[in-house]
C-alpha cells in the first residue's frame, strides 16, 4: 500500500499486527525479541517449545523508542533476545529500554 511504502521510505519499523496467544499457566518465563534479530529469537523459542512474548518494540515518528508488553510479566523470568549488531546505537537503546520496562512491570528476573 502507499502508506506502507512511505513508512518504509522514512525508515519507520512497522510491527506485525498478528500476535499468537501465550499460555500463562505452562511456563514461568517469557522470551521477548527486540528488532535486532527476530528470526534468532523465534528459532530459540521454537527450540524451547514455547512462543515469543507478545510485545511491540518500535519507534514513534520522531525516532523515540516505544515499548509495550501484552503479556503479564509480573513474577516471571524474562529473557530478551537482542543482539547489538548494526545499527548498534539503536539496538542497544532498545535493549536498555526493554530492561527498564520489564523492571517497572515487576518481572522477577531479567536476562
N, C-alpha and C. Protein backbone atom coordinates (compact mmCIF):
# COMPACT_ATOMS: atom_id res chain seq x y z
N UNK A 1 0.84 -1.18 0.00
CA UNK A 1 0.00 0.00 0.00
C UNK A 1 0.87 1.24 0.00
N UNK A 2 0.28 2.37 -0.31
CA UNK A 2 1.02 3.61 -0.41
C UNK A 2 1.56 4.06 0.94
N UNK A 3 0.79 3.90 2.02
CA UNK A 3 1.25 4.32 3.34
C UNK A 3 2.40 3.45 3.83
N UNK A 4 2.38 2.17 3.51
CA UNK A 4 3.45 1.28 3.93
C UNK A 4 4.75 1.65 3.21
N UNK A 5 4.67 1.93 1.92
CA UNK A 5 5.89 2.29 1.20
C UNK A 5 6.43 3.62 1.71
N UNK A 6 5.56 4.53 2.10
CA UNK A 6 6.00 5.81 2.69
C UNK A 6 6.68 5.56 4.03
N UNK A 7 6.14 4.64 4.84
CA UNK A 7 6.74 4.31 6.12
C UNK A 7 8.11 3.68 5.92
N UNK A 8 8.21 2.77 4.95
CA UNK A 8 9.49 2.16 4.66
C UNK A 8 10.49 3.19 4.17
N UNK A 9 10.01 4.14 3.37
CA UNK A 9 10.87 5.20 2.85
C UNK A 9 11.44 6.04 3.98
N UNK A 10 10.64 6.28 5.01
CA UNK A 10 11.09 7.07 6.15
C UNK A 10 11.88 6.24 7.15
N UNK A 11 11.96 4.93 6.95
CA UNK A 11 12.71 4.07 7.86
C UNK A 11 11.95 3.74 9.13
N UNK A 12 10.63 3.84 9.10
CA UNK A 12 9.81 3.55 10.28
C UNK A 12 9.50 2.06 10.31
N UNK A 13 9.80 1.41 11.42
CA UNK A 13 9.54 -0.02 11.57
C UNK A 13 8.07 -0.22 11.87
N UNK A 14 7.42 -1.06 11.09
CA UNK A 14 6.01 -1.37 11.31
C UNK A 14 5.91 -2.73 12.00
N UNK A 15 5.47 -2.79 13.27
CA UNK A 15 5.37 -4.09 13.94
C UNK A 15 4.25 -4.93 13.34
N UNK A 16 4.37 -6.25 13.46
CA UNK A 16 3.31 -7.11 12.91
C UNK A 16 2.01 -6.92 13.67
N UNK A 17 0.90 -7.12 12.98
CA UNK A 17 -0.42 -6.94 13.59
C UNK A 17 -0.98 -8.23 14.16
N UNK A 18 -0.32 -9.36 13.94
CA UNK A 18 -0.81 -10.64 14.39
C UNK A 18 0.04 -11.12 15.56
N UNK A 19 -0.62 -11.48 16.64
CA UNK A 19 0.09 -11.98 17.81
C UNK A 19 -0.48 -13.33 18.19
N UNK A 20 0.41 -14.27 18.46
CA UNK A 20 -0.04 -15.59 18.90
C UNK A 20 -0.28 -15.56 20.40
N UNK A 21 -1.33 -16.21 20.88
CA UNK A 21 -1.57 -16.24 22.31
C UNK A 21 -0.51 -17.08 23.01
N UNK A 22 -0.18 -16.68 24.22
CA UNK A 22 0.75 -17.47 25.01
C UNK A 22 -0.01 -18.13 26.15
N UNK A 23 0.54 -19.20 26.66
CA UNK A 23 -0.09 -19.94 27.74
C UNK A 23 0.56 -19.52 29.06
N UNK A 24 -0.10 -18.66 29.82
CA UNK A 24 0.45 -18.16 31.07
C UNK A 24 0.67 -19.27 32.10
N UNK A 25 -0.12 -20.31 32.06
CA UNK A 25 -0.03 -21.36 33.06
C UNK A 25 1.14 -22.31 32.83
N UNK A 26 1.55 -22.48 31.58
CA UNK A 26 2.53 -23.52 31.26
C UNK A 26 3.96 -23.16 31.61
N UNK A 27 4.33 -21.90 31.53
CA UNK A 27 5.72 -21.51 31.71
C UNK A 27 5.84 -20.40 32.75
N UNK A 28 6.95 -20.43 33.49
CA UNK A 28 7.20 -19.34 34.44
C UNK A 28 8.21 -18.35 33.87
N UNK A 29 8.38 -18.38 32.54
CA UNK A 29 9.29 -17.44 31.90
C UNK A 29 8.67 -16.90 30.63
N UNK A 30 9.23 -15.80 30.16
CA UNK A 30 8.81 -15.18 28.91
C UNK A 30 10.07 -14.87 28.11
N UNK A 31 10.00 -15.06 26.81
CA UNK A 31 11.08 -14.68 25.91
C UNK A 31 10.57 -13.56 25.02
N UNK A 32 11.31 -12.46 24.99
CA UNK A 32 10.94 -11.32 24.15
C UNK A 32 12.04 -11.06 23.15
N UNK A 33 11.66 -10.54 22.00
CA UNK A 33 12.60 -10.25 20.94
C UNK A 33 12.62 -8.76 20.66
N UNK A 34 13.82 -8.22 20.52
CA UNK A 34 13.95 -6.86 20.02
C UNK A 34 13.95 -6.91 18.50
N UNK A 35 14.27 -5.79 17.87
CA UNK A 35 14.27 -5.74 16.42
C UNK A 35 15.63 -6.10 15.82
N UNK A 36 16.62 -6.43 16.65
CA UNK A 36 17.95 -6.75 16.16
C UNK A 36 17.99 -8.03 15.34
N UNK A 37 17.34 -9.09 15.82
CA UNK A 37 17.32 -10.36 15.10
C UNK A 37 16.10 -11.18 15.54
N UNK A 38 14.91 -10.82 15.06
CA UNK A 38 13.71 -11.55 15.47
C UNK A 38 13.68 -13.00 14.99
N UNK A 39 14.39 -13.31 13.92
CA UNK A 39 14.45 -14.69 13.43
C UNK A 39 15.17 -15.57 14.44
N UNK A 40 16.27 -15.08 15.00
CA UNK A 40 17.01 -15.82 16.02
C UNK A 40 16.13 -16.07 17.24
N UNK A 41 15.43 -15.04 17.69
CA UNK A 41 14.56 -15.18 18.87
C UNK A 41 13.45 -16.19 18.61
N UNK A 42 12.88 -16.17 17.43
CA UNK A 42 11.82 -17.11 17.08
C UNK A 42 12.36 -18.54 17.06
N UNK A 43 13.56 -18.73 16.53
CA UNK A 43 14.18 -20.06 16.49
C UNK A 43 14.45 -20.56 17.91
N UNK A 44 14.93 -19.71 18.79
CA UNK A 44 15.17 -20.10 20.19
C UNK A 44 13.87 -20.51 20.86
N UNK A 45 12.82 -19.72 20.66
CA UNK A 45 11.52 -20.06 21.25
C UNK A 45 11.00 -21.38 20.72
N UNK A 46 11.15 -21.62 19.43
CA UNK A 46 10.69 -22.88 18.85
C UNK A 46 11.46 -24.06 19.43
N UNK A 47 12.76 -23.91 19.61
CA UNK A 47 13.58 -24.99 20.17
C UNK A 47 13.19 -25.29 21.62
N UNK A 48 12.77 -24.24 22.35
CA UNK A 48 12.34 -24.43 23.73
C UNK A 48 10.90 -24.91 23.83
N UNK A 49 10.19 -24.91 22.72
CA UNK A 49 8.81 -25.37 22.71
C UNK A 49 7.83 -24.36 23.27
N UNK A 50 8.16 -23.08 23.16
CA UNK A 50 7.26 -22.02 23.64
C UNK A 50 7.13 -20.96 22.56
N UNK A 51 6.36 -19.94 22.85
CA UNK A 51 6.17 -18.85 21.90
C UNK A 51 6.82 -17.59 22.45
N UNK A 52 7.16 -16.69 21.55
CA UNK A 52 7.69 -15.40 21.98
C UNK A 52 6.61 -14.63 22.72
N UNK A 53 7.03 -13.84 23.70
CA UNK A 53 6.09 -12.98 24.41
C UNK A 53 5.52 -11.93 23.47
N UNK A 54 4.30 -11.55 23.71
CA UNK A 54 3.64 -10.56 22.85
C UNK A 54 4.07 -9.17 23.27
N UNK A 55 4.72 -8.47 22.36
CA UNK A 55 5.20 -7.12 22.65
C UNK A 55 5.35 -6.35 21.35
N UNK A 56 5.27 -5.04 21.46
CA UNK A 56 5.60 -4.16 20.35
C UNK A 56 6.80 -3.35 20.79
N UNK A 57 7.88 -3.48 20.05
CA UNK A 57 9.06 -2.66 20.26
C UNK A 57 9.30 -1.97 18.94
N UNK A 58 9.02 -0.70 18.90
CA UNK A 58 9.12 0.06 17.66
C UNK A 58 9.57 1.47 17.96
N UNK A 59 9.21 2.36 17.07
CA UNK A 59 9.61 3.75 17.29
C UNK A 59 8.48 4.69 16.89
N UNK A 60 8.43 5.81 17.60
CA UNK A 60 7.49 6.86 17.27
C UNK A 60 7.98 7.58 16.02
N UNK A 61 7.17 8.48 15.48
CA UNK A 61 7.55 9.20 14.27
C UNK A 61 8.77 10.08 14.48
N UNK A 62 8.99 10.52 15.73
CA UNK A 62 10.16 11.37 15.99
C UNK A 62 11.42 10.57 16.28
N UNK A 63 11.35 9.23 16.19
CA UNK A 63 12.52 8.38 16.38
C UNK A 63 12.67 7.81 17.78
N UNK A 64 11.86 8.25 18.72
CA UNK A 64 11.94 7.71 20.08
C UNK A 64 11.42 6.28 20.11
N UNK A 65 11.99 5.48 20.99
CA UNK A 65 11.62 4.07 21.10
C UNK A 65 10.34 3.92 21.91
N UNK A 66 9.43 3.07 21.42
CA UNK A 66 8.22 2.77 22.19
C UNK A 66 8.17 1.27 22.45
N UNK A 67 7.79 0.91 23.65
CA UNK A 67 7.74 -0.49 24.06
C UNK A 67 6.42 -0.74 24.77
N UNK A 68 5.75 -1.82 24.37
CA UNK A 68 4.50 -2.20 25.03
C UNK A 68 4.42 -3.72 25.10
N UNK A 69 4.22 -4.23 26.31
CA UNK A 69 4.08 -5.66 26.51
C UNK A 69 2.61 -6.01 26.64
N UNK A 70 2.19 -7.08 25.98
CA UNK A 70 0.81 -7.54 26.04
C UNK A 70 0.66 -8.77 26.92
N UNK A 71 1.76 -9.33 27.38
CA UNK A 71 1.74 -10.46 28.30
C UNK A 71 2.10 -9.97 29.69
N UNK A 72 1.52 -10.58 30.69
CA UNK A 72 1.89 -10.26 32.07
C UNK A 72 3.27 -10.83 32.35
N UNK A 73 4.13 -10.00 32.93
CA UNK A 73 5.48 -10.44 33.28
C UNK A 73 5.70 -10.42 34.79
N UNK A 74 4.67 -10.08 35.53
CA UNK A 74 4.80 -10.00 37.00
C UNK A 74 5.22 -11.35 37.58
N UNK A 75 6.37 -11.36 38.25
CA UNK A 75 6.87 -12.56 38.89
C UNK A 75 7.46 -13.59 37.93
N UNK A 76 7.62 -13.25 36.67
CA UNK A 76 8.15 -14.17 35.66
C UNK A 76 9.64 -13.92 35.43
N UNK A 77 10.34 -14.95 34.97
CA UNK A 77 11.71 -14.80 34.50
C UNK A 77 11.63 -14.39 33.04
N UNK A 78 12.23 -13.27 32.70
CA UNK A 78 12.14 -12.74 31.34
C UNK A 78 13.49 -12.77 30.66
N UNK A 79 13.50 -13.23 29.43
CA UNK A 79 14.71 -13.31 28.61
C UNK A 79 14.51 -12.43 27.39
N UNK A 80 15.50 -11.58 27.12
CA UNK A 80 15.43 -10.68 25.97
C UNK A 80 16.49 -11.13 24.96
N UNK A 81 16.06 -11.38 23.76
CA UNK A 81 16.98 -11.73 22.67
C UNK A 81 17.14 -10.47 21.83
N UNK A 82 18.29 -9.80 21.98
CA UNK A 82 18.54 -8.55 21.27
C UNK A 82 20.03 -8.38 21.05
N UNK A 83 20.54 -8.79 19.88
CA UNK A 83 21.96 -8.56 19.61
C UNK A 83 22.22 -7.07 19.39
N UNK A 84 23.46 -6.68 19.53
CA UNK A 84 23.82 -5.27 19.34
C UNK A 84 24.55 -5.09 18.01
N UNK A 85 24.04 -5.76 16.97
CA UNK A 85 24.61 -5.62 15.63
C UNK A 85 24.17 -4.29 15.02
N UNK A 86 24.49 -4.08 13.77
CA UNK A 86 24.17 -2.82 13.10
C UNK A 86 22.68 -2.56 13.07
N UNK A 87 22.18 -1.42 13.41
CA UNK A 87 22.85 -0.25 13.98
C UNK A 87 22.99 -0.39 15.51
N UNK A 88 24.19 -0.39 16.02
CA UNK A 88 24.40 -0.70 17.44
C UNK A 88 23.75 0.28 18.40
N UNK A 89 23.74 1.56 18.07
CA UNK A 89 23.14 2.55 18.98
C UNK A 89 21.66 2.29 19.18
N UNK A 90 20.94 2.04 18.09
CA UNK A 90 19.50 1.80 18.16
C UNK A 90 19.20 0.50 18.91
N UNK A 91 19.96 -0.55 18.59
CA UNK A 91 19.70 -1.85 19.22
C UNK A 91 20.05 -1.83 20.71
N UNK A 92 21.12 -1.16 21.08
CA UNK A 92 21.48 -1.07 22.49
C UNK A 92 20.45 -0.25 23.27
N UNK A 93 19.98 0.84 22.69
CA UNK A 93 18.96 1.66 23.36
C UNK A 93 17.67 0.88 23.51
N UNK A 94 17.28 0.12 22.49
CA UNK A 94 16.10 -0.75 22.59
C UNK A 94 16.25 -1.74 23.74
N UNK A 95 17.42 -2.36 23.84
CA UNK A 95 17.69 -3.33 24.88
C UNK A 95 17.58 -2.70 26.27
N UNK A 96 18.21 -1.56 26.46
CA UNK A 96 18.18 -0.90 27.77
C UNK A 96 16.77 -0.46 28.15
N UNK A 97 16.02 0.06 27.20
CA UNK A 97 14.65 0.49 27.50
C UNK A 97 13.73 -0.71 27.73
N UNK A 98 13.98 -1.82 27.06
CA UNK A 98 13.20 -3.03 27.30
C UNK A 98 13.46 -3.54 28.71
N UNK A 99 14.72 -3.54 29.14
CA UNK A 99 15.05 -3.95 30.51
C UNK A 99 14.35 -3.04 31.52
N UNK A 100 14.41 -1.75 31.29
CA UNK A 100 13.76 -0.79 32.19
C UNK A 100 12.25 -1.01 32.26
N UNK A 101 11.64 -1.27 31.11
CA UNK A 101 10.19 -1.51 31.08
C UNK A 101 9.83 -2.79 31.81
N UNK A 102 10.63 -3.83 31.64
CA UNK A 102 10.36 -5.09 32.35
C UNK A 102 10.52 -4.92 33.86
N UNK A 103 11.48 -4.14 34.29
CA UNK A 103 11.65 -3.89 35.73
C UNK A 103 10.42 -3.18 36.31
N UNK A 104 9.94 -2.17 35.57
CA UNK A 104 8.76 -1.44 36.04
C UNK A 104 7.50 -2.29 36.01
N UNK A 105 7.52 -3.35 35.18
CA UNK A 105 6.36 -4.25 35.10
C UNK A 105 6.48 -5.40 36.10
N UNK A 106 7.47 -5.35 37.00
CA UNK A 106 7.64 -6.31 38.11
C UNK A 106 8.07 -7.70 37.66
N UNK A 107 8.92 -7.77 36.64
CA UNK A 107 9.48 -9.07 36.26
C UNK A 107 10.42 -9.51 37.37
N UNK A 108 10.43 -10.81 37.66
CA UNK A 108 11.26 -11.32 38.75
C UNK A 108 12.74 -11.26 38.39
N UNK A 109 13.11 -11.83 37.25
CA UNK A 109 14.49 -11.81 36.76
C UNK A 109 14.49 -11.41 35.31
N UNK A 110 15.51 -10.66 34.90
CA UNK A 110 15.64 -10.24 33.51
C UNK A 110 17.02 -10.65 33.02
N UNK A 111 17.04 -11.42 31.95
CA UNK A 111 18.32 -11.87 31.39
C UNK A 111 18.36 -11.51 29.92
